């Protein structure tokens, strides 16, 4: 059963409270409420409706000083100064510790052992407390990525080569994360069973946390949530048309290209330019553009970069172009309606069976309106790369690369770039779809990460029946190589980044994308079928056995 902080108003939208406190968890909630703590008990309104306990942090904030003192006095973890995130972590951990101790008291006569599974350093401050008390609670700790590793990888281009030689204490102080790293190390060493999500991260833990993982617990998805059965090809077509509508509004006022020969690639995730492989993707796209021009390809690639960045507003010309295109669509629909009725009347009255001249059926009003709207819409400017006015565009690494490589949406370029620095949602006026539906409308996800302990974005592609590119430095890519010998045939392309130069990996990625470009439509449909069929391998139903093993080891 999950324990979590009640820190955001949106939590209650997916939470169904209960009035039944008869089980052990409910009894603990009652006991904690009597002590003055804000504790909610109920079920998540998600698949399976799991029970959940939520803590209101403010109810224990008065104890923050005592929590910090105990961490320093007994566990050598400094928490001086004010850090709102760390303070919330400490209070949440304190409430979790109280809950577990109360649960142990309630279940004192139960021969079954309590297993507490902590994920990430932000949940893990109870671990050193519980071990010092020598409770009977068995502890499993999973780190999904070491905090120090994320910082180091983003700042050291030779992170993996230097990994065995870092001084963790020195580096954590350098990045100002000494408290967080010490909490993470205390959790790793204090747990009975220490786990992580991939072999890649396991090696990182060995050097930065000082303990080898006992087990690898790969991440999964509830594939049923993505399952479309025989409809997934139809859904791809439906949402591809939504993307095409955006493409027409964005590009066709400047120039047009054949949408039937256009492929949509995308990448998404946190803006970590190097860690997420945005740098490698851009370099590969520049090479792909050259390869396609050399081959005189008539295919167009539109590559979307979907990542959250600070911006001032959406670009007015992007919105205006979209709005005018919709006006053109309405005008065309009106003309079709007018022509349809007149054509029917003319055909019914015709005696020579010949098709009349359709232009004669369009009134001067609609002719003039369509012409004026088109004149308003057309532009000699290049279609913009970025859809929003960024706060600091001159400092943005994607924008700097695009300008340097002149990958700025010229008509003669086979590869076009759309940089969308915001989330995609139905409220978004440019796309008007959920992110998951946007994924279904694309042809290929591109995620050649340099630092990626697991990698949900390519896994979400697979669950949606969309081929994806990952890397052998990604936990997901490493797992796919280990468990799926013919992963390429299943639409999971793994780019080699271990022991390869940046240029070698960029060329390999460009070749992977070029191979995809050269596929026929029938071959791409077949590949999507293979991707959809392989998704079950990553369902929690298949991967839960790893967790069962961890819990079995914890109670030995």
Protein backbone atom coordinates (compact mmCIF):
# COMPACT_ATOMS: atom_id res chain seq x y z
CA UNK A 1 0.00 0.00 0.00
CA UNK A 2 1.48 3.41 -1.00
CA UNK A 3 2.20 6.21 1.47
CA UNK A 4 2.54 9.72 0.09
CA UNK A 5 2.45 13.45 0.86
CA UNK A 6 -0.77 15.39 0.40
CA UNK A 7 0.94 18.48 -1.04
CA UNK A 8 -1.10 19.48 -4.09
CA UNK A 9 -4.82 20.30 -4.52
CA UNK A 10 -5.03 18.02 -7.57
CA UNK A 11 -4.34 14.98 -5.34
CA UNK A 12 -7.88 14.97 -4.02
CA UNK A 13 -9.26 14.72 -7.57
CA UNK A 14 -7.93 11.16 -7.80
CA UNK A 15 -8.44 10.18 -4.17
CA UNK A 16 -11.55 8.51 -2.71
CA UNK A 17 -11.55 8.67 1.12
CA UNK A 18 -12.98 5.83 3.18
CA UNK A 19 -14.86 5.68 6.47
CA UNK A 20 -13.80 2.09 7.14
CA UNK A 21 -10.83 2.04 9.52
CA UNK A 22 -11.21 -1.57 10.64
CA UNK A 23 -8.05 -2.97 9.01
CA UNK A 24 -4.54 -2.49 10.40
CA UNK A 25 -3.82 0.51 8.19
CA UNK A 26 -7.06 2.20 9.23
CA UNK A 27 -6.26 1.59 12.89
CA UNK A 28 -2.87 3.29 12.44
CA UNK A 29 -4.55 6.27 10.74
CA UNK A 30 -6.89 6.64 13.74
CA UNK A 31 -3.97 6.46 16.19
CA UNK A 32 -2.02 9.11 14.26
CA UNK A 33 -5.04 11.40 14.07
CA UNK A 34 -5.39 11.20 17.84
CA UNK A 35 -1.81 12.48 18.07
CA UNK A 36 -2.74 15.51 16.00
CA UNK A 37 -1.45 14.47 12.59
CA UNK A 38 -3.34 15.10 9.34
CA UNK A 39 -3.66 11.64 7.77
CA UNK A 40 -6.06 10.66 4.99
CA UNK A 41 -6.99 7.07 4.14
CA UNK A 42 -8.75 5.85 1.00
CA UNK A 43 -8.18 4.57 -2.50
CA UNK A 44 -6.56 5.96 -5.62
CA UNK A 45 -9.06 6.31 -8.46
CA UNK A 46 -6.82 4.44 -10.88
CA UNK A 47 -6.67 0.92 -12.26
CA UNK A 48 -6.91 -1.57 -9.38
CA UNK A 49 -8.09 1.14 -6.93
CA UNK A 50 -5.20 0.56 -4.47
CA UNK A 51 -5.45 1.69 -0.86
CA UNK A 52 -3.37 4.76 -0.06
CA UNK A 53 -2.43 6.86 2.98
CA UNK A 54 -1.71 10.57 2.49
CA UNK A 55 0.05 12.81 5.02
CA UNK A 56 -0.61 16.53 5.46
CA UNK A 57 2.90 17.85 6.06
CA UNK A 58 1.91 21.00 7.91
CA UNK A 59 0.60 18.94 10.82
CA UNK A 60 4.16 17.84 11.67
CA UNK A 61 6.07 20.96 10.63
CA UNK A 62 6.51 21.97 14.27
CA UNK A 63 8.81 18.95 14.72
CA UNK A 64 11.22 19.90 11.92
CA UNK A 65 13.99 21.14 14.25
CA UNK A 66 13.94 17.89 16.24
CA UNK A 67 14.04 15.85 13.01
CA UNK A 68 17.09 17.77 11.79
CA UNK A 69 18.85 17.43 15.15
CA UNK A 70 18.38 13.65 15.21
CA UNK A 71 19.65 13.28 11.65
CA UNK A 72 22.82 15.20 12.53
CA UNK A 73 23.35 13.76 16.01
CA UNK A 74 22.84 10.10 15.19
CA UNK A 75 23.42 9.77 11.43
CA UNK A 76 25.91 12.53 10.52
CA UNK A 77 23.55 14.06 7.96
CA UNK A 78 23.68 17.89 8.00
CA UNK A 79 20.47 19.78 7.23
CA UNK A 80 21.42 23.30 8.28
CA UNK A 81 19.80 26.23 6.56
CA UNK A 82 16.44 26.50 4.83
CA UNK A 83 15.72 24.35 1.79
CA UNK A 84 11.99 23.97 1.19
CA UNK A 85 12.28 20.71 -0.76
CA UNK A 86 14.60 19.08 1.79
CA UNK A 87 12.41 20.29 4.65
CA UNK A 88 9.31 18.73 3.05
CA UNK A 89 11.25 15.50 2.52
CA UNK A 90 12.26 15.42 6.20
CA UNK A 91 8.72 16.01 7.46
CA UNK A 92 7.25 13.44 5.08
CA UNK A 93 9.88 10.93 6.20
CA UNK A 94 9.07 11.66 9.84
CA UNK A 95 5.36 10.96 9.31
CA UNK A 96 6.20 7.79 7.37
CA UNK A 97 8.43 6.62 10.23
CA UNK A 98 5.63 7.21 12.79
CA UNK A 99 3.15 5.33 10.59
CA UNK A 100 5.46 2.31 10.27
CA UNK A 101 6.22 2.21 13.99
CA UNK A 102 2.50 2.40 14.81
CA UNK A 103 1.82 -0.35 12.24
CA UNK A 104 4.46 -2.55 13.87
CA UNK A 105 2.71 -2.01 17.24
CA UNK A 106 -0.72 -2.84 15.81
CA UNK A 107 0.66 -5.95 14.10
CA UNK A 108 2.89 -7.05 17.01
CA UNK A 109 1.20 -10.45 17.26
CA UNK A 110 1.07 -11.07 13.53
CA UNK A 111 3.73 -13.63 12.49
CA UNK A 112 3.97 -12.02 9.05
CA UNK A 113 6.78 -9.51 8.67
CA UNK A 114 6.24 -5.93 7.54
CA UNK A 115 8.16 -4.96 4.42
CA UNK A 116 8.66 -1.23 3.76
CA UNK A 117 9.75 -0.44 0.20
CA UNK A 118 11.20 3.05 -0.23
CA UNK A 119 11.70 4.63 -3.67
CA UNK A 120 14.27 7.39 -4.16
CA UNK A 121 16.05 9.53 -1.58
CA UNK A 122 12.99 11.76 -1.09
CA UNK A 123 11.11 8.95 0.65
CA UNK A 124 14.05 7.37 2.41
CA UNK A 125 14.85 9.42 5.54
CA UNK A 126 13.06 6.89 7.82
CA UNK A 127 15.55 4.15 6.92
CA UNK A 128 18.43 5.17 9.24
CA UNK A 129 15.92 5.86 12.05
CA UNK A 130 14.27 2.44 11.67
CA UNK A 131 17.59 0.58 11.54
CA UNK A 132 18.87 2.38 14.64
CA UNK A 133 15.69 1.35 16.51
CA UNK A 134 16.33 -2.24 15.35
CA UNK A 135 12.68 -2.73 14.42
CA UNK A 136 11.38 -5.93 12.87
CA UNK A 137 10.42 -3.99 9.75
CA UNK A 138 12.28 -5.29 6.70
CA UNK A 139 13.49 -2.54 4.39
CA UNK A 140 13.86 -2.49 0.59
CA UNK A 141 15.27 0.65 -1.02
CA UNK A 142 15.20 1.37 -4.75
CA UNK A 143 17.05 4.26 -6.33
CA UNK A 144 15.85 5.02 -9.85
CA UNK A 145 18.82 7.31 -10.48
CA UNK A 146 21.50 8.59 -8.15
CA UNK A 147 21.15 12.30 -7.58
CA UNK A 148 24.90 12.88 -7.83
CA UNK A 149 25.08 10.84 -11.04
CA UNK A 150 22.50 13.06 -12.71
CA UNK A 151 24.50 16.18 -11.84
CA UNK A 152 27.83 14.69 -12.89
CA UNK A 153 26.56 13.28 -16.19
CA UNK A 154 25.15 16.66 -17.18
CA UNK A 155 28.48 18.38 -16.54
CA UNK A 156 31.15 15.83 -17.47
CA UNK A 157 31.29 14.65 -21.12
CA UNK A 158 33.32 11.63 -19.97
CA UNK A 159 31.10 10.71 -17.02
CA UNK A 160 31.21 6.94 -17.50
CA UNK A 161 34.97 6.88 -17.99
CA UNK A 162 35.50 8.95 -14.83
CA UNK A 163 32.87 7.12 -12.75
CA UNK A 164 35.31 4.94 -10.72
CA UNK A 165 37.40 7.97 -9.75
CA UNK A 166 34.91 10.51 -8.38
CA UNK A 167 35.13 11.62 -4.73
CA UNK A 168 31.44 11.53 -3.85
CA UNK A 169 31.78 13.77 -0.79
CA UNK A 170 33.74 16.42 -2.66
CA UNK A 171 31.44 16.38 -5.68
CA UNK A 172 28.22 16.51 -3.67
CA UNK A 173 29.45 19.60 -1.83
CA UNK A 174 30.54 21.13 -5.15
CA UNK A 175 26.99 20.84 -6.53
CA UNK A 176 25.35 21.89 -3.26
CA UNK A 177 23.58 18.56 -2.72
CA UNK A 178 25.55 17.18 0.23
CA UNK A 179 22.44 16.62 2.39
CA UNK A 180 20.52 14.82 -0.35
CA UNK A 181 23.46 12.58 -1.26
CA UNK A 182 24.09 11.62 2.37
CA UNK A 183 20.40 10.71 2.76
CA UNK A 184 20.63 8.57 -0.36
CA UNK A 185 23.79 6.83 0.82
CA UNK A 186 22.30 6.21 4.28
CA UNK A 187 19.25 4.64 2.63
CA UNK A 188 21.35 2.42 0.38
CA UNK A 189 23.48 1.19 3.27
CA UNK A 190 20.63 0.96 5.78
CA UNK A 191 18.28 -1.13 3.65
CA UNK A 192 18.18 -4.89 3.98
CA UNK A 193 17.79 -5.22 0.21
CA UNK A 194 19.14 -2.49 -2.06
CA UNK A 195 17.88 -2.38 -5.64
CA UNK A 196 17.97 -0.20 -8.72
CA UNK A 197 16.24 -0.19 -12.10
CA UNK A 198 19.02 -1.22 -14.50
CA UNK A 199 22.51 -2.62 -14.77
CA UNK A 200 23.67 0.81 -16.01
CA UNK A 201 22.49 2.48 -12.81
CA UNK A 202 23.75 -0.45 -10.74
CA UNK A 203 27.32 0.34 -11.75
CA UNK A 204 26.74 3.99 -10.89
CA UNK A 205 25.43 3.03 -7.43
CA UNK A 206 28.49 0.92 -6.75
CA UNK A 207 30.82 3.91 -7.15
CA UNK A 208 28.68 6.86 -6.00
CA UNK A 209 26.69 5.21 -3.20
CA UNK A 210 29.29 2.66 -2.17
CA UNK A 211 27.04 -0.40 -2.35
CA UNK A 212 26.28 -2.91 -5.08
CA UNK A 213 22.62 -3.50 -5.79
CA UNK A 214 21.26 -6.85 -4.61
CA UNK A 215 18.76 -6.96 -7.45
CA UNK A 216 17.69 -5.14 -10.59
CA UNK A 217 14.00 -4.15 -10.61
CA UNK A 218 13.17 -2.98 -14.14
CA UNK A 219 10.33 -0.51 -14.51
CA UNK A 220 7.17 -1.41 -16.35
CA UNK A 221 3.83 0.05 -17.40
CA UNK A 222 0.23 -0.96 -17.07
CA UNK A 223 0.03 -1.93 -20.74
CA UNK A 224 -3.72 -2.40 -20.48
CA UNK A 225 -4.04 1.39 -20.17
CA UNK A 226 -2.44 1.78 -23.60
CA UNK A 227 -4.00 -1.24 -25.28
CA UNK A 228 -6.07 -0.49 -28.37
CA UNK A 229 -6.19 -4.08 -29.70
CA UNK A 230 -7.01 -4.11 -33.42
CA UNK A 231 -7.82 -0.37 -33.34
CA UNK A 232 -4.27 0.89 -32.80
CA UNK A 233 -3.58 1.30 -36.53
CA UNK A 234 -6.80 3.29 -36.87
CA UNK A 235 -5.84 5.44 -33.90
CA UNK A 236 -2.46 6.12 -35.48
CA UNK A 237 -4.23 7.41 -38.59
CA UNK A 238 -6.73 9.46 -36.57
CA UNK A 239 -4.12 11.28 -34.51
CA UNK A 240 -1.72 11.61 -37.43
CA UNK A 241 -4.43 13.68 -39.12
CA UNK A 242 -4.49 15.94 -36.03
CA UNK A 243 -0.74 16.44 -36.39
CA UNK A 244 -1.15 17.07 -40.11
CA UNK A 245 -3.62 19.82 -39.36
CA UNK A 246 -0.95 21.54 -37.25
CA UNK A 247 1.66 20.97 -39.97
CA UNK A 248 -0.48 22.60 -42.63
CA UNK A 249 -1.10 25.63 -40.42
CA UNK A 250 2.58 25.91 -39.54
CA UNK A 251 4.24 25.32 -42.92
CA UNK A 252 1.80 25.69 -45.78
CA UNK A 253 1.51 29.47 -45.59
CA UNK A 254 5.21 29.54 -46.57
CA UNK A 255 5.47 26.44 -48.79
CA UNK A 256 3.92 23.00 -49.07
CA UNK A 257 5.08 19.39 -49.29
CA UNK A 258 3.40 16.03 -49.80
CA UNK A 259 1.78 14.98 -46.53
CA UNK A 260 1.39 11.44 -47.83
CA UNK A 261 5.20 11.28 -47.92
CA UNK A 262 5.79 12.94 -44.55
CA UNK A 263 6.98 11.13 -41.42
CA UNK A 264 6.65 12.50 -37.89
CA UNK A 265 9.52 11.88 -35.47
CA UNK A 266 9.57 13.22 -31.90
CA UNK A 267 11.56 13.34 -28.69
CA UNK A 268 10.33 14.47 -25.28
CA UNK A 269 11.28 14.66 -21.63
CA UNK A 270 13.00 17.02 -19.21
CA UNK A 271 15.23 19.62 -20.80
CA UNK A 272 18.57 17.97 -20.14
CA UNK A 273 20.28 18.77 -23.41
CA UNK A 274 23.10 16.25 -23.10
CA UNK A 275 21.64 13.67 -20.70
CA UNK A 276 18.46 13.19 -22.78
CA UNK A 277 20.45 13.01 -26.01
CA UNK A 278 19.01 16.16 -27.57
CA UNK A 279 22.53 17.06 -28.72
CA UNK A 280 23.03 13.69 -30.43
CA UNK A 281 19.56 13.80 -31.97
CA UNK A 282 20.17 17.22 -33.53
CA UNK A 283 23.55 16.20 -34.92
CA UNK A 284 22.01 13.05 -36.39
CA UNK A 285 19.15 15.06 -37.91
CA UNK A 286 21.62 17.37 -39.64
CA UNK A 287 23.36 14.31 -41.09
CA UNK A 288 20.03 12.75 -42.03
CA UNK A 289 19.05 15.94 -43.85
CA UNK A 290 22.28 15.74 -45.91
CA UNK A 291 21.82 12.01 -46.61
CA UNK A 292 18.26 12.52 -47.82
CA UNK A 293 19.23 15.42 -50.08
CA UNK A 294 22.09 13.39 -51.53
CA UNK A 295 19.67 10.53 -52.20
CA UNK A 296 17.18 12.99 -53.77
CA UNK A 297 14.53 11.67 -51.41
CA UNK A 298 10.99 12.97 -51.81
CA UNK A 299 10.17 12.17 -48.16
CA UNK A 300 9.82 14.94 -45.56
CA UNK A 301 10.69 14.43 -41.89
CA UNK A 302 9.12 16.67 -39.26
CA UNK A 303 10.97 16.30 -35.97
CA UNK A 304 9.23 17.51 -32.79
CA UNK A 305 11.17 18.46 -29.65
CA UNK A 306 8.62 18.40 -26.81
CA UNK A 307 10.16 19.65 -23.56
CA UNK A 308 9.29 22.18 -20.88
CA UNK A 309 11.22 25.48 -21.05
CA UNK A 310 10.61 28.99 -19.70
CA UNK A 311 8.71 31.10 -22.21
CA UNK A 312 6.88 34.41 -22.33
CA UNK A 313 4.01 33.52 -24.63
CA UNK A 314 3.06 31.49 -27.67
CA UNK A 315 4.24 33.15 -30.88
CA UNK A 316 1.49 35.32 -32.31
CA UNK A 317 2.31 34.42 -35.94
CA UNK A 318 2.04 30.71 -35.09
CA UNK A 319 -1.41 31.22 -33.57
CA UNK A 320 -2.52 33.57 -36.36
CA UNK A 321 -1.44 31.15 -39.08
CA UNK A 322 -3.36 28.36 -37.40
CA UNK A 323 -6.47 30.55 -37.03
CA UNK A 324 -6.38 31.72 -40.66
CA UNK A 325 -5.96 28.15 -41.87
CA UNK A 326 -9.09 27.20 -39.96
CA UNK A 327 -10.90 30.08 -41.65
CA UNK A 328 -9.75 28.70 -45.01
CA UNK A 329 -11.10 25.30 -44.01
CA UNK A 330 -14.49 26.77 -43.08
CA UNK A 331 -14.63 28.68 -46.36
CA UNK A 332 -13.82 25.54 -48.33
CA UNK A 333 -16.49 23.61 -46.42
CA UNK A 334 -19.03 26.33 -47.29
CA UNK A 335 -18.02 26.17 -50.96
CA UNK A 336 -18.37 22.38 -50.95
CA UNK A 337 -21.86 22.71 -49.48
CA UNK A 338 -22.86 25.27 -52.10
CA UNK A 339 -21.41 23.26 -54.98
CA UNK A 340 -22.92 19.99 -53.73
CA UNK A 341 -26.49 21.28 -53.79
CA UNK A 342 -26.13 22.98 -57.19
CA UNK A 343 -24.38 19.93 -58.65
CA UNK A 344 -27.19 17.65 -57.51
CA UNK A 345 -29.87 19.88 -59.00
CA UNK A 346 -27.94 20.20 -62.26
CA UNK A 347 -27.28 16.45 -62.53
CA UNK A 348 -30.92 15.60 -61.85
CA UNK A 349 -32.08 18.00 -64.57
CA UNK A 350 -29.36 17.03 -67.09
CA UNK A 351 -30.30 15.23 -70.30
CA UNK A 352 -26.80 14.67 -71.78
CA UNK A 353 -25.16 12.93 -68.75
CA UNK A 354 -22.15 15.24 -68.91
CA UNK A 355 -20.51 16.60 -65.75
CA UNK A 356 -21.10 20.34 -65.56
CA UNK A 357 -18.29 22.86 -64.96
CA UNK A 358 -18.06 23.00 -61.18
CA UNK A 359 -16.51 26.48 -61.12
CA UNK A 360 -19.79 27.84 -62.41
CA UNK A 361 -21.46 26.73 -59.18
CA UNK A 362 -19.23 28.83 -56.89
CA UNK A 363 -20.65 32.25 -56.14
CA UNK A 364 -18.54 35.38 -56.49
CA UNK A 365 -18.84 35.96 -52.73
CA UNK A 366 -17.08 32.71 -51.81
CA UNK A 367 -14.50 33.09 -54.60
CA UNK A 368 -13.52 36.51 -53.30
CA UNK A 369 -13.55 35.44 -49.67
CA UNK A 370 -11.30 32.45 -50.33
CA UNK A 371 -8.87 34.52 -52.40
CA UNK A 372 -8.59 37.27 -49.80
CA UNK A 373 -8.10 34.77 -46.96
CA UNK A 374 -5.35 33.00 -48.89
CA UNK A 375 -3.64 36.34 -49.62
CA UNK A 376 -3.76 37.17 -45.91
CA UNK A 377 -2.31 33.78 -45.00
CA UNK A 378 0.59 33.42 -47.41
CA UNK A 379 4.01 34.50 -46.18
CA UNK A 380 7.56 34.77 -47.53
CA UNK A 381 9.01 34.06 -44.07
CA UNK A 382 10.41 30.67 -43.14
CA UNK A 383 8.19 28.62 -40.82
CA UNK A 384 9.44 29.23 -37.26
CA UNK A 385 11.41 26.50 -35.52
CA UNK A 386 10.12 27.30 -32.04
CA UNK A 387 6.41 27.76 -31.36
CA UNK A 388 6.85 30.04 -28.33
CA UNK A 389 8.75 33.18 -27.38
CA UNK A 390 11.46 31.71 -25.14
CA UNK A 391 12.63 33.67 -22.12
CA UNK A 392 16.30 33.42 -23.15
CA UNK A 393 16.40 32.14 -26.76
CA UNK A 394 20.03 33.19 -27.24
CA UNK A 395 21.03 30.85 -24.38
CA UNK A 396 18.92 27.90 -25.51
CA UNK A 397 21.10 25.03 -26.73
CA UNK A 398 18.56 23.66 -29.19
CA UNK A 399 18.15 27.07 -30.80
CA UNK A 400 21.91 27.60 -30.94
CA UNK A 401 22.45 24.28 -32.72
CA UNK A 402 19.62 24.87 -35.19
CA UNK A 403 21.05 28.28 -36.10
CA UNK A 404 24.61 26.95 -36.36
CA UNK A 405 23.57 24.01 -38.59
CA UNK A 406 21.13 26.21 -40.56
CA UNK A 407 18.45 23.62 -39.89
CA UNK A 408 15.83 26.37 -39.96
CA UNK A 409 13.00 24.90 -42.04
CA UNK A 410 14.13 25.88 -45.53
CA UNK A 411 11.92 24.63 -48.33
CA UNK A 412 14.76 22.52 -49.74
CA UNK A 413 15.41 20.77 -46.39
CA UNK A 414 13.99 17.28 -46.07
CA UNK A 415 14.20 17.56 -42.28
CA UNK A 416 12.03 20.18 -40.58
CA UNK A 417 12.26 21.07 -36.87
CA UNK A 418 9.42 21.99 -34.52
CA UNK A 419 10.53 22.94 -31.01
CA UNK A 420 7.54 23.05 -28.64
CA UNK A 421 8.69 24.15 -25.15
CA UNK A 422 5.52 23.19 -23.32
CA UNK A 423 3.35 20.22 -22.48
CA UNK A 424 0.94 18.85 -25.04
CA UNK A 425 -2.63 18.64 -23.81
CA UNK A 426 -6.20 19.00 -25.12
CA UNK A 427 -6.10 22.63 -23.94
CA UNK A 428 -3.15 23.32 -26.23
CA UNK A 429 -4.47 25.44 -29.15
CA UNK A 430 -1.88 24.07 -31.59
CA UNK A 431 -2.53 20.34 -31.22
CA UNK A 432 -5.66 19.89 -29.12
CA UNK A 433 -4.86 16.30 -28.13
CA UNK A 434 -3.52 14.39 -25.14
CA UNK A 435 0.23 13.71 -25.13
CA UNK A 436 -0.46 9.96 -25.44
CA UNK A 437 -2.57 10.59 -28.53
CA UNK A 438 0.15 12.79 -30.02
CA UNK A 439 2.57 9.87 -29.54
CA UNK A 440 0.17 7.53 -31.36
CA UNK A 441 0.05 9.93 -34.31
CA UNK A 442 3.82 9.94 -34.79
CA UNK A 443 5.89 7.38 -36.68
CA UNK A 444 9.07 7.19 -34.57
CA UNK A 445 10.20 8.23 -31.06
CA UNK A 446 13.88 9.21 -30.75
CA UNK A 447 15.52 8.97 -27.29
CA UNK A 448 19.28 8.25 -27.58
CA UNK A 449 20.04 9.29 -23.98
CA UNK A 450 23.52 9.67 -22.55
CA UNK A 451 22.23 9.40 -18.98
CA UNK A 452 18.93 7.58 -18.50
CA UNK A 453 18.63 5.15 -15.56
CA UNK A 454 15.52 3.65 -17.13
CA UNK A 455 13.58 5.58 -19.77
CA UNK A 456 9.80 5.68 -19.77
CA UNK A 457 9.43 7.70 -22.98
CA UNK A 458 10.56 4.93 -25.35
CA UNK A 459 8.58 2.41 -23.29
CA UNK A 460 5.45 4.56 -23.71
CA UNK A 461 6.05 4.51 -27.47
CA UNK A 462 6.22 0.72 -27.46
CA UNK A 463 3.05 0.52 -25.37
CA UNK A 464 1.34 2.72 -27.99
CA UNK A 465 2.55 0.63 -30.93
CA UNK A 466 5.11 3.21 -32.09
CA UNK A 467 8.73 2.22 -32.87
CA UNK A 468 11.36 3.94 -30.74
CA UNK A 469 15.09 4.62 -30.66
CA UNK A 470 16.92 4.35 -27.35
CA UNK A 471 20.58 3.87 -26.40
CA UNK A 472 22.69 1.25 -24.67
CA UNK A 473 23.35 3.80 -21.89
CA UNK A 474 19.62 3.84 -21.15
CA UNK A 475 18.33 1.29 -18.65
CA UNK A 476 15.47 0.49 -21.02
CA UNK A 477 17.83 0.03 -23.97
CA UNK A 478 20.19 -2.12 -21.92
CA UNK A 479 17.27 -4.28 -20.74
CA UNK A 480 15.90 -4.63 -24.28
CA UNK A 481 19.32 -5.80 -25.54
CA UNK A 482 19.58 -8.33 -22.73
CA UNK A 483 16.07 -9.79 -22.93
CA UNK A 484 15.09 -9.28 -26.56
CA UNK A 485 17.74 -10.57 -29.01
CA UNK A 486 15.79 -9.33 -32.06
CA UNK A 487 14.79 -5.99 -30.57
CA UNK A 488 15.28 -4.18 -33.91
CA UNK A 489 12.67 -6.43 -35.50
CA UNK A 490 10.33 -5.48 -32.65
CA UNK A 491 10.77 -1.77 -33.35
CA UNK A 492 13.20 -1.01 -30.51
CA UNK A 493 16.36 0.44 -32.06
CA UNK A 494 19.33 0.70 -29.70
CA UNK A 495 22.07 3.18 -30.62
CA UNK A 496 25.53 2.33 -29.31
CA UNK A 497 26.99 5.00 -27.01
CA UNK A 498 29.23 2.86 -24.79
CA UNK A 499 32.86 3.15 -25.88
CA UNK A 500 31.84 5.21 -28.92
CA UNK A 501 32.68 8.78 -29.83
CA UNK A 502 29.89 11.32 -30.17
CA UNK A 503 30.44 11.41 -33.94
CA UNK A 504 30.23 7.62 -34.26
CA UNK A 505 26.98 7.49 -32.30
CA UNK A 506 25.51 10.39 -34.30
CA UNK A 507 26.30 8.62 -37.56
CA UNK A 508 24.73 5.40 -36.28
CA UNK A 509 21.57 7.26 -35.24
CA UNK A 510 21.40 9.03 -38.62
CA UNK A 511 21.66 5.64 -40.35
CA UNK A 512 18.91 4.17 -38.14
CA UNK A 513 16.61 7.05 -39.08
CA UNK A 514 17.58 6.81 -42.77
CA UNK A 515 16.76 3.11 -42.75
CA UNK A 516 13.34 3.97 -41.32
CA UNK A 517 12.84 6.62 -44.02
CA UNK A 518 13.54 4.04 -46.73
CA UNK A 519 10.87 1.66 -45.42
CA UNK A 520 7.71 1.31 -47.43
CA UNK A 521 4.36 2.14 -45.86
CA UNK A 522 3.59 -1.58 -45.69
CA UNK A 523 6.88 -2.26 -43.88
CA UNK A 524 6.15 0.47 -41.33
CA UNK A 525 2.69 -0.98 -40.66
CA UNK A 526 4.23 -4.41 -40.17
CA UNK A 527 6.77 -2.92 -37.77
CA UNK A 528 4.03 -1.23 -35.74
CA UNK A 529 2.31 -4.60 -35.46
CA UNK A 530 5.56 -6.08 -34.10
CA UNK A 531 5.97 -3.22 -31.63
CA UNK A 532 2.43 -3.60 -30.35
CA UNK A 533 2.89 -7.35 -29.95
CA UNK A 534 6.12 -6.92 -27.91
CA UNK A 535 4.59 -4.43 -25.45
CA UNK A 536 3.37 -7.22 -23.14
CA UNK A 537 7.00 -8.01 -22.28
CA UNK A 538 7.11 -4.71 -20.36
CA UNK A 539 3.82 -5.06 -18.50
CA UNK A 540 3.92 -5.07 -14.71
CA UNK A 541 2.33 -8.51 -14.83
CA UNK A 542 5.56 -9.77 -16.39
CA UNK A 543 7.97 -7.68 -14.33
CA UNK A 544 6.36 -8.06 -10.90
CA UNK A 545 8.35 -11.27 -10.37
CA UNK A 546 11.47 -9.15 -9.80
CA UNK A 547 9.70 -7.38 -6.92
CA UNK A 548 8.53 -10.69 -5.48
CA UNK A 549 12.14 -11.83 -5.44
CA UNK A 550 13.26 -8.68 -3.61
CA UNK A 551 10.58 -9.14 -0.94
CA UNK A 552 11.43 -12.82 -0.53
CA UNK A 553 15.08 -11.94 0.06
CA UNK A 554 14.13 -9.18 2.50
CA UNK A 555 12.37 -11.55 4.90
CA UNK A 556 15.00 -14.29 4.86
